[in-house]
Amino acid sequence: MHIVKNILLTGSHGKPIPTDIFYLHTGQAKPVVIYAHGFNGFKDWANFDLIAGQFASAGFVFIKFNFSHNGTTPEQPEEFTDLEAYANNNYTIELDDLGTVIDWALSPGNEHSSQINKDQVYLIGHSRGGGIALIKAAEDTRIKSVATWASVHKCKTPWGGWPTDKIVEWKEKGVTHITNSRTKQEMPLYYQLYENYQNNKERLNIQGALQKLEIPLLFCHGIDDTSVPVEKAYTLHRWHPSAELFLVPSDHVFGRKHPWTENHLPQAMQEVVEQTIVFFNEASRES
């Protein structure tokens, strides 16, 4: 298997986008799957290479990347050390980053481009990344199929459930903090995140994006998800009834944790991976 990690793509917002690519050397171009991580996530969270390897073994080119402002750095891609970037992250930056990765994947300047079938571009997005993937698919006709894993239904992470007085305080101070439950870091969020949503409501409307999409969609969700309750998956499905809905008895991350030191995935995550591979294989046959 050919694996290249931490390729530094030039982002459009002043910071690089570390990117990994996995594939088997074959004599033909393959569908490409691009994975967008979620809030407080990164491309290597819980040994994501195990998942990337399964997709590559199944005949896909698999690409995963760190959003440019997710708080990690090329030198420390699994640690939140750039909290200023984290505080300045927002939804449109992530949409632009995903666009940059798609452009690179399909560019003749990509040294791996001969391995990629440019007519079979698929996205996976986890949690907030699921919303980003759906919106990008509605904007970019190159994307032919999307699978979401525990996706949000609104671009309001993490402030969607906050009371009005907390939003007002956020505006007055210009910054608020949330605790990263894993690292115990106090993570800063500048008020620009809220403003970014308010200024781009139409673009960031996931329901509106779904109504535009006429490509195959798969919504995977854990029944016991407490971060994004399974009701949100039912909402997405109600907005796009022709999508496939795949539920497993698990949590927001399908039984994984970081760091993940085992060489196999938990059962729920394995089921989601296998279902997604089947789904994209079907999309490939129909295209």
C-alpha atoms as a PDB file:
ATOM      1  CA  MET A   1       0.000   0.000   0.000  1.00  0.00           C
ATOM      2  CA  HIS A   2       1.248   3.464  -0.900  1.00  0.00           C
ATOM      3  CA  ILE A   3       0.958   5.884   2.029  1.00  0.00           C
ATOM      4  CA  VAL A   4       2.145   9.479   2.142  1.00  0.00           C
ATOM      5  CA  LYS A   5       1.433  11.491   5.283  1.00  0.00           C
ATOM      6  CA  ASN A   6       1.481  15.193   6.075  1.00  0.00           C
ATOM      7  CA  ILE A   7       1.659  16.599   2.578  1.00  0.00           C
ATOM      8  CA  LEU A   8       1.397  20.353   3.174  1.00  0.00           C
ATOM      9  CA  LEU A   9      -1.171  21.967   0.914  1.00  0.00           C
ATOM     10  CA  THR A  10      -1.298  25.753   0.715  1.00  0.00           C
ATOM     11  CA  GLY A  11      -4.511  26.919   2.309  1.00  0.00           C
ATOM     12  CA  SER A  12      -6.278  30.119   1.270  1.00  0.00           C
ATOM     13  CA  HIS A  13      -6.331  31.503   4.833  1.00  0.00           C
ATOM     14  CA  GLY A  14      -2.642  31.734   5.635  1.00  0.00           C
ATOM     15  CA  LYS A  15      -2.091  28.295   7.135  1.00  0.00           C
ATOM     16  CA  PRO A  16      -1.167  24.940   5.566  1.00  0.00           C
ATOM     17  CA  ILE A  17      -3.462  21.930   5.304  1.00  0.00           C
ATOM     18  CA  PRO A  18      -1.601  18.719   6.310  1.00  0.00           C
ATOM     19  CA  THR A  19      -2.938  15.936   4.103  1.00  0.00           C
ATOM     20  CA  ASP A  20      -2.528  12.140   3.915  1.00  0.00           C
ATOM     21  CA  ILE A  21      -3.158   9.852   0.941  1.00  0.00           C
ATOM     22  CA  PHE A  22      -3.549   6.053   0.898  1.00  0.00           C
ATOM     23  CA  TYR A  23      -3.954   3.746  -2.116  1.00  0.00           C
ATOM     24  CA  LEU A  24      -2.929   0.489  -3.727  1.00  0.00           C
ATOM     25  CA  HIS A  25      -0.819   0.695  -6.855  1.00  0.00           C
ATOM     26  CA  THR A  26      -2.990  -0.627  -9.668  1.00  0.00           C
ATOM     27  CA  GLY A  27      -3.140  -0.174 -13.388  1.00  0.00           C
ATOM     28  CA  GLN A  28      -6.260   1.933 -13.325  1.00  0.00           C
ATOM     29  CA  ALA A  29      -7.642   5.091 -11.767  1.00  0.00           C
ATOM     30  CA  LYS A  30      -9.751   4.598  -8.659  1.00  0.00           C
ATOM     31  CA  PRO A  31     -12.589   6.483  -6.947  1.00  0.00           C
ATOM     32  CA  VAL A  32     -11.311   8.950  -4.375  1.00  0.00           C
ATOM     33  CA  VAL A  33     -12.783   9.306  -0.883  1.00  0.00           C
ATOM     34  CA  ILE A  34     -11.969  12.510   1.015  1.00  0.00           C
ATOM     35  CA  TYR A  35     -12.578  12.600   4.767  1.00  0.00           C
ATOM     36  CA  ALA A  36     -13.417  15.766   6.742  1.00  0.00           C
ATOM     37  CA  HIS A  37     -12.954  15.503  10.522  1.00  0.00           C
ATOM     38  CA  GLY A  38     -15.212  17.111  13.092  1.00  0.00           C
ATOM     39  CA  PHE A  39     -14.980  19.767  15.800  1.00  0.00           C
ATOM     40  CA  ASN A  40     -12.041  19.134  18.155  1.00  0.00           C
ATOM     41  CA  GLY A  41     -10.903  16.423  15.768  1.00  0.00           C
ATOM     42  CA  PHE A  42      -7.962  15.855  13.453  1.00  0.00           C
ATOM     43  CA  LYS A  43      -7.098  13.462  10.638  1.00  0.00           C
ATOM     44  CA  ASP A  44      -5.203  11.012  12.863  1.00  0.00           C
ATOM     45  CA  TRP A  45      -7.671  10.934  15.751  1.00  0.00           C
ATOM     46  CA  ALA A  46      -7.956   7.400  17.187  1.00  0.00           C
ATOM     47  CA  ASN A  47      -5.521   5.902  14.691  1.00  0.00           C
ATOM     48  CA  PHE A  48      -7.608   6.844  11.651  1.00  0.00           C
ATOM     49  CA  ASP A  49      -4.959   5.198   9.483  1.00  0.00           C
ATOM     50  CA  LEU A  50      -6.742   1.904  10.207  1.00  0.00           C
ATOM     51  CA  ILE A  51      -9.846   3.254   8.499  1.00  0.00           C
ATOM     52  CA  ALA A  52      -7.898   4.810   5.636  1.00  0.00           C
ATOM     53  CA  GLY A  53      -6.161   1.492   5.013  1.00  0.00           C
ATOM     54  CA  GLN A  54      -9.454  -0.377   4.773  1.00  0.00           C
ATOM     55  CA  PHE A  55     -10.770   2.007   2.128  1.00  0.00           C
ATOM     56  CA  ALA A  56      -7.521   1.758   0.187  1.00  0.00           C
ATOM     57  CA  SER A  57      -7.629  -2.045   0.365  1.00  0.00           C
ATOM     58  CA  ALA A  58     -11.194  -1.916  -0.951  1.00  0.00           C
ATOM     59  CA  GLY A  59     -10.028  -0.134  -4.098  1.00  0.00           C
ATOM     60  CA  PHE A  60     -10.322   3.555  -3.251  1.00  0.00           C
ATOM     61  CA  VAL A  61      -7.831   6.354  -3.006  1.00  0.00           C
ATOM     62  CA  PHE A  62      -8.379   7.684   0.518  1.00  0.00           C
ATOM     63  CA  ILE A  63      -7.456  11.239   1.500  1.00  0.00           C
ATOM     64  CA  LYS A  64      -7.728  12.761   4.961  1.00  0.00           C
ATOM     65  CA  PHE A  65      -6.570  16.148   6.155  1.00  0.00           C
ATOM     66  CA  ASN A  66      -6.458  18.597   9.044  1.00  0.00           C
ATOM     67  CA  PHE A  67      -8.512  21.718   8.604  1.00  0.00           C
ATOM     68  CA  SER A  68      -6.037  24.588   8.506  1.00  0.00           C
ATOM     69  CA  HIS A  69      -7.400  26.249  11.647  1.00  0.00           C
ATOM     70  CA  ASN A  70      -8.270  23.204  13.748  1.00  0.00           C
ATOM     71  CA  GLY A  71      -5.595  24.120  16.295  1.00  0.00           C
ATOM     72  CA  THR A  72      -2.939  21.565  15.353  1.00  0.00           C
ATOM     73  CA  THR A  73       0.266  22.308  13.480  1.00  0.00           C
ATOM     74  CA  PRO A  74       2.302  20.403  10.861  1.00  0.00           C
ATOM     75  CA  GLU A  75       4.929  19.822  13.546  1.00  0.00           C
ATOM     76  CA  GLN A  76       2.359  18.532  16.050  1.00  0.00           C
ATOM     77  CA  PRO A  77      -0.580  17.253  13.983  1.00  0.00           C
ATOM     78  CA  GLU A  78      -2.201  15.488  16.955  1.00  0.00           C
ATOM     79  CA  GLU A  79      -1.908  18.260  19.555  1.00  0.00           C
ATOM     80  CA  PHE A  80      -3.867  21.495  19.958  1.00  0.00           C
ATOM     81  CA  THR A  81      -0.932  23.875  20.198  1.00  0.00           C
ATOM     82  CA  ASP A  82      -2.118  26.723  17.936  1.00  0.00           C
ATOM     83  CA  LEU A  83      -5.044  28.027  19.956  1.00  0.00           C
ATOM     84  CA  GLU A  84      -5.056  31.350  18.110  1.00  0.00           C
ATOM     85  CA  ALA A  85      -5.837  29.498  14.882  1.00  0.00           C
ATOM     86  CA  TYR A  86      -8.433  27.424  16.721  1.00  0.00           C
ATOM     87  CA  ALA A  87     -10.133  30.593  17.978  1.00  0.00           C
ATOM     88  CA  ASN A  88     -10.251  31.988  14.435  1.00  0.00           C
ATOM     89  CA  ASN A  89     -11.653  28.883  12.788  1.00  0.00           C
ATOM     90  CA  ASN A  90     -15.121  29.025  11.234  1.00  0.00           C
ATOM     91  CA  TYR A  91     -17.414  27.266   8.792  1.00  0.00           C
ATOM     92  CA  THR A  92     -16.442  29.110   5.636  1.00  0.00           C
ATOM     93  CA  ILE A  93     -12.735  28.532   6.308  1.00  0.00           C
ATOM     94  CA  GLU A  94     -13.468  24.813   6.552  1.00  0.00           C
ATOM     95  CA  LEU A  95     -15.472  24.888   3.313  1.00  0.00           C
ATOM     96  CA  ASP A  96     -12.568  26.639   1.603  1.00  0.00           C
ATOM     97  CA  ASP A  97     -10.097  24.106   3.037  1.00  0.00           C
ATOM     98  CA  LEU A  98     -12.159  21.196   1.752  1.00  0.00           C
ATOM     99  CA  GLY A  99     -12.303  22.873  -1.644  1.00  0.00           C
ATOM    100  CA  THR A 100      -8.514  23.209  -1.626  1.00  0.00           C
ATOM    101  CA  VAL A 101      -8.103  19.498  -0.903  1.00  0.00           C
ATOM    102  CA  ILE A 102     -10.536  18.546  -3.684  1.00  0.00           C
ATOM    103  CA  ASP A 103      -8.747  20.849  -6.131  1.00  0.00           C
ATOM    104  CA  TRP A 104      -5.381  19.312  -5.208  1.00  0.00           C
ATOM    105  CA  ALA A 105      -6.674  15.754  -5.489  1.00  0.00           C
ATOM    106  CA  LEU A 106      -7.942  16.381  -9.014  1.00  0.00           C
ATOM    107  CA  SER A 107      -5.073  18.589 -10.171  1.00  0.00           C
ATOM    108  CA  PRO A 108      -2.606  17.351 -12.806  1.00  0.00           C
ATOM    109  CA  GLY A 109       0.060  18.755 -10.493  1.00  0.00           C
ATOM    110  CA  ASN A 110      -0.792  16.129  -7.882  1.00  0.00           C
ATOM    111  CA  GLU A 111       1.838  13.423  -8.310  1.00  0.00           C
ATOM    112  CA  HIS A 112      -0.778  10.822  -7.372  1.00  0.00           C
ATOM    113  CA  SER A 113      -3.358  12.065  -9.900  1.00  0.00           C
ATOM    114  CA  SER A 114      -2.975   9.065 -12.221  1.00  0.00           C
ATOM    115  CA  GLN A 115      -4.410   6.909  -9.441  1.00  0.00           C
ATOM    116  CA  ILE A 116      -7.586   8.997  -9.142  1.00  0.00           C
ATOM    117  CA  ASN A 117     -10.753   8.732 -11.212  1.00  0.00           C
ATOM    118  CA  LYS A 118     -11.760  12.372 -11.420  1.00  0.00           C
ATOM    119  CA  ASP A 119     -15.371  11.439 -12.180  1.00  0.00           C
ATOM    120  CA  GLN A 120     -15.774   9.521  -8.915  1.00  0.00           C
ATOM    121  CA  VAL A 121     -15.173  11.932  -6.040  1.00  0.00           C
ATOM    122  CA  TYR A 122     -16.804  10.971  -2.739  1.00  0.00           C
ATOM    123  CA  LEU A 123     -16.843  12.676   0.656  1.00  0.00           C
ATOM    124  CA  ILE A 124     -17.101  11.443   4.239  1.00  0.00           C
ATOM    125  CA  GLY A 125     -17.668  13.932   7.035  1.00  0.00           C
ATOM    126  CA  HIS A 126     -17.821  13.256  10.759  1.00  0.00           C
ATOM    127  CA  SER A 127     -19.936  15.422  13.078  1.00  0.00           C
ATOM    128  CA  ARG A 128     -19.416  19.066  12.071  1.00  0.00           C
ATOM    129  CA  GLY A 129     -17.423  17.743   9.127  1.00  0.00           C
ATOM    130  CA  GLY A 130     -20.598  15.996   7.982  1.00  0.00           C
ATOM    131  CA  GLY A 131     -22.363  19.318   7.654  1.00  0.00           C
ATOM    132  CA  ILE A 132     -19.364  20.778   5.833  1.00  0.00           C
ATOM    133  CA  ALA A 133     -19.320  17.817   3.421  1.00  0.00           C
ATOM    134  CA  LEU A 134     -23.031  18.161   2.604  1.00  0.00           C
ATOM    135  CA  ILE A 135     -22.775  21.893   1.973  1.00  0.00           C
ATOM    136  CA  LYS A 136     -19.680  21.479  -0.192  1.00  0.00           C
ATOM    137  CA  ALA A 137     -21.399  18.757  -2.212  1.00  0.00           C
ATOM    138  CA  ALA A 138     -24.279  21.133  -2.932  1.00  0.00           C
ATOM    139  CA  GLU A 139     -21.758  23.709  -4.161  1.00  0.00           C
ATOM    140  CA  ASP A 140     -19.429  21.459  -6.159  1.00  0.00           C
ATOM    141  CA  THR A 141     -20.757  19.242  -8.957  1.00  0.00           C
ATOM    142  CA  ARG A 142     -17.517  17.222  -8.955  1.00  0.00           C
ATOM    143  CA  ILE A 143     -18.730  15.476  -5.799  1.00  0.00           C
ATOM    144  CA  LYS A 144     -20.766  12.410  -6.746  1.00  0.00           C
ATOM    145  CA  SER A 145     -21.670  10.920  -3.353  1.00  0.00           C
ATOM    146  CA  VAL A 146     -21.495  11.734   0.368  1.00  0.00           C
ATOM    147  CA  ALA A 147     -21.520   9.619   3.518  1.00  0.00           C
ATOM    148  CA  THR A 148     -21.911  11.336   6.884  1.00  0.00           C
ATOM    149  CA  TRP A 149     -20.892   9.848  10.203  1.00  0.00           C
ATOM    150  CA  ALA A 150     -22.755  11.318  13.199  1.00  0.00           C
ATOM    151  CA  SER A 151     -23.405  14.518  11.280  1.00  0.00           C
ATOM    152  CA  VAL A 152     -24.782  17.733  12.693  1.00  0.00           C
ATOM    153  CA  HIS A 153     -27.939  19.125  11.102  1.00  0.00           C
ATOM    154  CA  LYS A 154     -27.062  22.782  11.660  1.00  0.00           C
ATOM    155  CA  CYS A 155     -23.804  24.744  11.466  1.00  0.00           C
ATOM    156  CA  LYS A 156     -24.052  25.852  15.078  1.00  0.00           C
ATOM    157  CA  THR A 157     -21.264  23.859  16.720  1.00  0.00           C
ATOM    158  CA  PRO A 158     -20.665  24.269  19.619  1.00  0.00           C
ATOM    159  CA  TRP A 159     -22.933  27.171  20.499  1.00  0.00           C
ATOM    160  CA  GLY A 160     -26.292  25.975  19.140  1.00  0.00           C
ATOM    161  CA  GLY A 161     -27.728  25.154  22.561  1.00  0.00           C
ATOM    162  CA  TRP A 162     -26.294  28.078  24.484  1.00  0.00           C
ATOM    163  CA  PRO A 163     -28.711  30.484  26.240  1.00  0.00           C
ATOM    164  CA  THR A 164     -29.052  34.032  24.963  1.00  0.00           C
ATOM    165  CA  ASP A 165     -27.188  35.543  27.893  1.00  0.00           C
ATOM    166  CA  LYS A 166     -24.125  33.446  27.117  1.00  0.00           C
ATOM    167  CA  ILE A 167     -24.193  34.600  23.478  1.00  0.00           C
ATOM    168  CA  VAL A 168     -24.464  38.211  24.673  1.00  0.00           C
ATOM    169  CA  GLU A 169     -21.505  37.739  27.011  1.00  0.00           C
ATOM    170  CA  TRP A 170     -19.556  36.134  24.170  1.00  0.00           C
ATOM    171  CA  LYS A 171     -20.192  39.205  22.016  1.00  0.00           C
ATOM    172  CA  GLU A 172     -19.222  41.611  24.781  1.00  0.00           C
ATOM    173  CA  LYS A 173     -15.966  39.843  25.607  1.00  0.00           C
ATOM    174  CA  GLY A 174     -15.160  38.806  22.047  1.00  0.00           C
ATOM    175  CA  VAL A 175     -14.105  35.353  23.258  1.00  0.00           C
ATOM    176  CA  THR A 176     -15.451  32.433  25.230  1.00  0.00           C
ATOM    177  CA  HIS A 177     -13.877  29.151  26.235  1.00  0.00           C
ATOM    178  CA  ILE A 178     -14.936  25.522  26.136  1.00  0.00           C
ATOM    179  CA  THR A 179     -13.201  22.654  27.895  1.00  0.00           C
ATOM    180  CA  ASN A 180     -11.773  19.907  25.729  1.00  0.00           C
ATOM    181  CA  SER A 181     -13.023  16.842  27.596  1.00  0.00           C
ATOM    182  CA  ARG A 182     -10.061  14.751  26.432  1.00  0.00           C
ATOM    183  CA  THR A 183      -7.122  17.112  26.907  1.00  0.00           C
ATOM    184  CA  LYS A 184      -8.739  19.331  29.601  1.00  0.00           C
ATOM    185  CA  GLN A 185      -7.534  22.379  27.672  1.00  0.00           C
ATOM    186  CA  GLU A 186      -9.576  25.569  27.792  1.00  0.00           C
ATOM    187  CA  MET A 187     -10.212  26.146  24.094  1.00  0.00           C
ATOM    188  CA  PRO A 188     -10.858  29.743  22.972  1.00  0.00           C
ATOM    189  CA  LEU A 189     -13.601  30.638  20.533  1.00  0.00           C
ATOM    190  CA  TYR A 190     -13.708  34.142  19.131  1.00  0.00           C
ATOM    191  CA  TYR A 191     -17.096  35.716  18.528  1.00  0.00           C
ATOM    192  CA  GLN A 192     -16.272  35.721  14.817  1.00  0.00           C
ATOM    193  CA  LEU A 193     -17.502  32.117  14.711  1.00  0.00           C
ATOM    194  CA  TYR A 194     -21.028  33.259  15.551  1.00  0.00           C
ATOM    195  CA  GLU A 195     -20.737  36.216  13.168  1.00  0.00           C
ATOM    196  CA  ASN A 196     -19.526  33.913  10.410  1.00  0.00           C
ATOM    197  CA  TYR A 197     -22.711  31.897  10.714  1.00  0.00           C
ATOM    198  CA  GLN A 198     -24.937  34.971  10.865  1.00  0.00           C
ATOM    199  CA  ASN A 199     -23.264  36.476   7.798  1.00  0.00           C
ATOM    200  CA  ASN A 200     -23.482  33.261   5.770  1.00  0.00           C
ATOM    201  CA  LYS A 201     -26.807  31.770   6.880  1.00  0.00           C
ATOM    202  CA  GLU A 202     -27.964  30.900   3.386  1.00  0.00           C
ATOM    203  CA  ARG A 203     -24.714  29.203   2.419  1.00  0.00           C
ATOM    204  CA  LEU A 204     -24.508  27.361   5.745  1.00  0.00           C
ATOM    205  CA  ASN A 205     -28.067  26.022   5.626  1.00  0.00           C
ATOM    206  CA  ILE A 206     -27.699  22.228   5.642  1.00  0.00           C
ATOM    207  CA  GLN A 207     -31.389  21.697   4.955  1.00  0.00           C
ATOM    208  CA  GLY A 208     -31.124  23.939   1.917  1.00  0.00           C
ATOM    209  CA  ALA A 209     -28.032  22.062   0.747  1.00  0.00           C
ATOM    210  CA  LEU A 210     -29.825  18.727   1.038  1.00  0.00           C
ATOM    211  CA  GLN A 211     -32.739  19.994  -1.015  1.00  0.00           C
ATOM    212  CA  LYS A 212     -30.326  20.797  -3.850  1.00  0.00           C
ATOM    213  CA  LEU A 213     -28.557  17.443  -3.836  1.00  0.00           C
ATOM    214  CA  GLU A 214     -29.444  14.709  -6.311  1.00  0.00           C
ATOM    215  CA  ILE A 215     -26.521  12.407  -5.555  1.00  0.00           C
ATOM    216  CA  PRO A 216     -26.457   9.251  -3.393  1.00  0.00           C
ATOM    217  CA  LEU A 217     -26.285  10.025   0.331  1.00  0.00           C
ATOM    218  CA  LEU A 218     -25.665   7.825   3.371  1.00  0.00           C
ATOM    219  CA  PHE A 219     -26.320   8.968   6.941  1.00  0.00           C
ATOM    220  CA  CYS A 220     -24.593   6.817   9.604  1.00  0.00           C
ATOM    221  CA  HIS A 221     -25.295   7.520  13.258  1.00  0.00           C
ATOM    222  CA  GLY A 222     -24.918   6.004  16.698  1.00  0.00           C
ATOM    223  CA  ILE A 223     -28.187   5.358  18.491  1.00  0.00           C
ATOM    224  CA  ASP A 224     -26.583   6.285  21.822  1.00  0.00           C
ATOM    225  CA  ASP A 225     -24.849   9.441  20.568  1.00  0.00           C
ATOM    226  CA  THR A 226     -25.004  12.108  23.285  1.00  0.00           C
ATOM    227  CA  SER A 227     -23.009  14.756  21.381  1.00  0.00           C
ATOM    228  CA  VAL A 228     -25.260  14.788  18.311  1.00  0.00           C
ATOM    229  CA  PRO A 229     -28.409  12.865  19.271  1.00  0.00           C
ATOM    230  CA  VAL A 230     -29.725  10.323  16.790  1.00  0.00           C
ATOM    231  CA  GLU A 231     -32.813  12.508  16.300  1.00  0.00           C
ATOM    232  CA  LYS A 232     -30.596  14.751  14.158  1.00  0.00           C
ATOM    233  CA  ALA A 233     -29.990  11.831  11.798  1.00  0.00           C
ATOM    234  CA  TYR A 234     -33.745  11.366  11.486  1.00  0.00           C
ATOM    235  CA  THR A 235     -34.018  15.080  10.722  1.00  0.00           C
ATOM    236  CA  LEU A 236     -31.435  14.827   7.935  1.00  0.00           C
ATOM    237  CA  HIS A 237     -33.278  11.830   6.544  1.00  0.00           C
ATOM    238  CA  ARG A 238     -36.591  13.672   6.673  1.00  0.00           C
ATOM    239  CA  TRP A 239     -35.016  16.488   4.688  1.00  0.00           C
ATOM    240  CA  HIS A 240     -33.679  13.987   2.124  1.00  0.00           C
ATOM    241  CA  PRO A 241     -35.821  10.819   2.263  1.00  0.00           C
ATOM    242  CA  SER A 242     -34.026   9.075  -0.594  1.00  0.00           C
ATOM    243  CA  ALA A 243     -30.818   8.920   1.457  1.00  0.00           C
ATOM    244  CA  GLU A 244     -29.786   5.700   3.148  1.00  0.00           C
ATOM    245  CA  LEU A 245     -29.948   5.710   6.944  1.00  0.00           C
ATOM    246  CA  PHE A 246     -27.652   3.339   8.851  1.00  0.00           C
ATOM    247  CA  LEU A 247     -27.878   3.221  12.638  1.00  0.00           C
ATOM    248  CA  VAL A 248     -25.660   1.316  15.065  1.00  0.00           C
ATOM    249  CA  PRO A 249     -25.930   0.907  18.864  1.00  0.00           C
ATOM    250  CA  SER A 250     -22.990   3.162  19.696  1.00  0.00           C
ATOM    251  CA  ASP A 251     -21.818   6.648  20.609  1.00  0.00           C
ATOM    252  CA  HIS A 252     -20.681   9.732  18.705  1.00  0.00           C
ATOM    253  CA  VAL A 253     -17.357   8.186  17.689  1.00  0.00           C
ATOM    254  CA  PHE A 254     -18.622   4.630  17.170  1.00  0.00           C
ATOM    255  CA  GLY A 255     -16.667   3.189  20.080  1.00  0.00           C
ATOM    256  CA  ARG A 256     -13.281   4.734  19.337  1.00  0.00           C
ATOM    257  CA  LYS A 257     -11.103   6.904  21.576  1.00  0.00           C
ATOM    258  CA  HIS A 258      -7.825   8.755  21.281  1.00  0.00           C
ATOM    259  CA  PRO A 259      -5.220   7.446  21.449  1.00  0.00           C
ATOM    260  CA  TRP A 260      -6.285   4.137  19.897  1.00  0.00           C
ATOM    261  CA  THR A 261      -3.503   1.594  20.246  1.00  0.00           C
ATOM    262  CA  GLU A 262      -5.229  -1.542  18.984  1.00  0.00           C
ATOM    263  CA  ASN A 263      -4.793  -2.804  15.441  1.00  0.00           C
ATOM    264  CA  HIS A 264      -8.499  -3.312  14.843  1.00  0.00           C
ATOM    265  CA  LEU A 265     -11.564  -1.083  15.064  1.00  0.00           C
ATOM    266  CA  PRO A 266     -14.415  -1.406  17.566  1.00  0.00           C
ATOM    267  CA  GLN A 267     -17.377  -3.312  16.171  1.00  0.00           C
ATOM    268  CA  ALA A 268     -19.606  -0.276  15.615  1.00  0.00           C
ATOM    269  CA  MET A 269     -16.917   1.632  13.726  1.00  0.00           C
ATOM    270  CA  GLN A 270     -16.122  -1.453  11.668  1.00  0.00           C
ATOM    271  CA  GLU A 271     -19.775  -1.803  10.717  1.00  0.00           C
ATOM    272  CA  VAL A 272     -19.946   1.836   9.662  1.00  0.00           C
ATOM    273  CA  VAL A 273     -16.765   1.515   7.595  1.00  0.00           C
ATOM    274  CA  GLU A 274     -18.041  -1.611   5.850  1.00  0.00           C
ATOM    275  CA  GLN A 275     -21.434  -0.052   5.164  1.00  0.00           C
ATOM    276  CA  THR A 276     -19.777   3.052   3.721  1.00  0.00           C
ATOM    277  CA  ILE A 277     -17.523   0.977   1.467  1.00  0.00           C
ATOM    278  CA  VAL A 278     -20.551  -0.945   0.170  1.00  0.00           C
ATOM    279  CA  PHE A 279     -22.364   2.351  -0.393  1.00  0.00           C
ATOM    280  CA  PHE A 280     -19.516   3.925  -2.357  1.00  0.00           C
ATOM    281  CA  ASN A 281     -18.982   0.740  -4.368  1.00  0.00           C
ATOM    282  CA  GLU A 282     -22.619   0.920  -5.417  1.00  0.00           C
ATOM    283  CA  ALA A 283     -22.189   4.594  -6.324  1.00  0.00           C
ATOM    284  CA  SER A 284     -19.173   3.626  -8.458  1.00  0.00           C
ATOM    285  CA  ARG A 285     -21.137   0.986 -10.344  1.00  0.00           C
ATOM    286  CA  GLU A 286     -23.955   3.406 -11.068  1.00  0.00           C
ATOM    287  CA  SER A 287     -21.739   6.247 -12.265  1.00  0.00           C
END
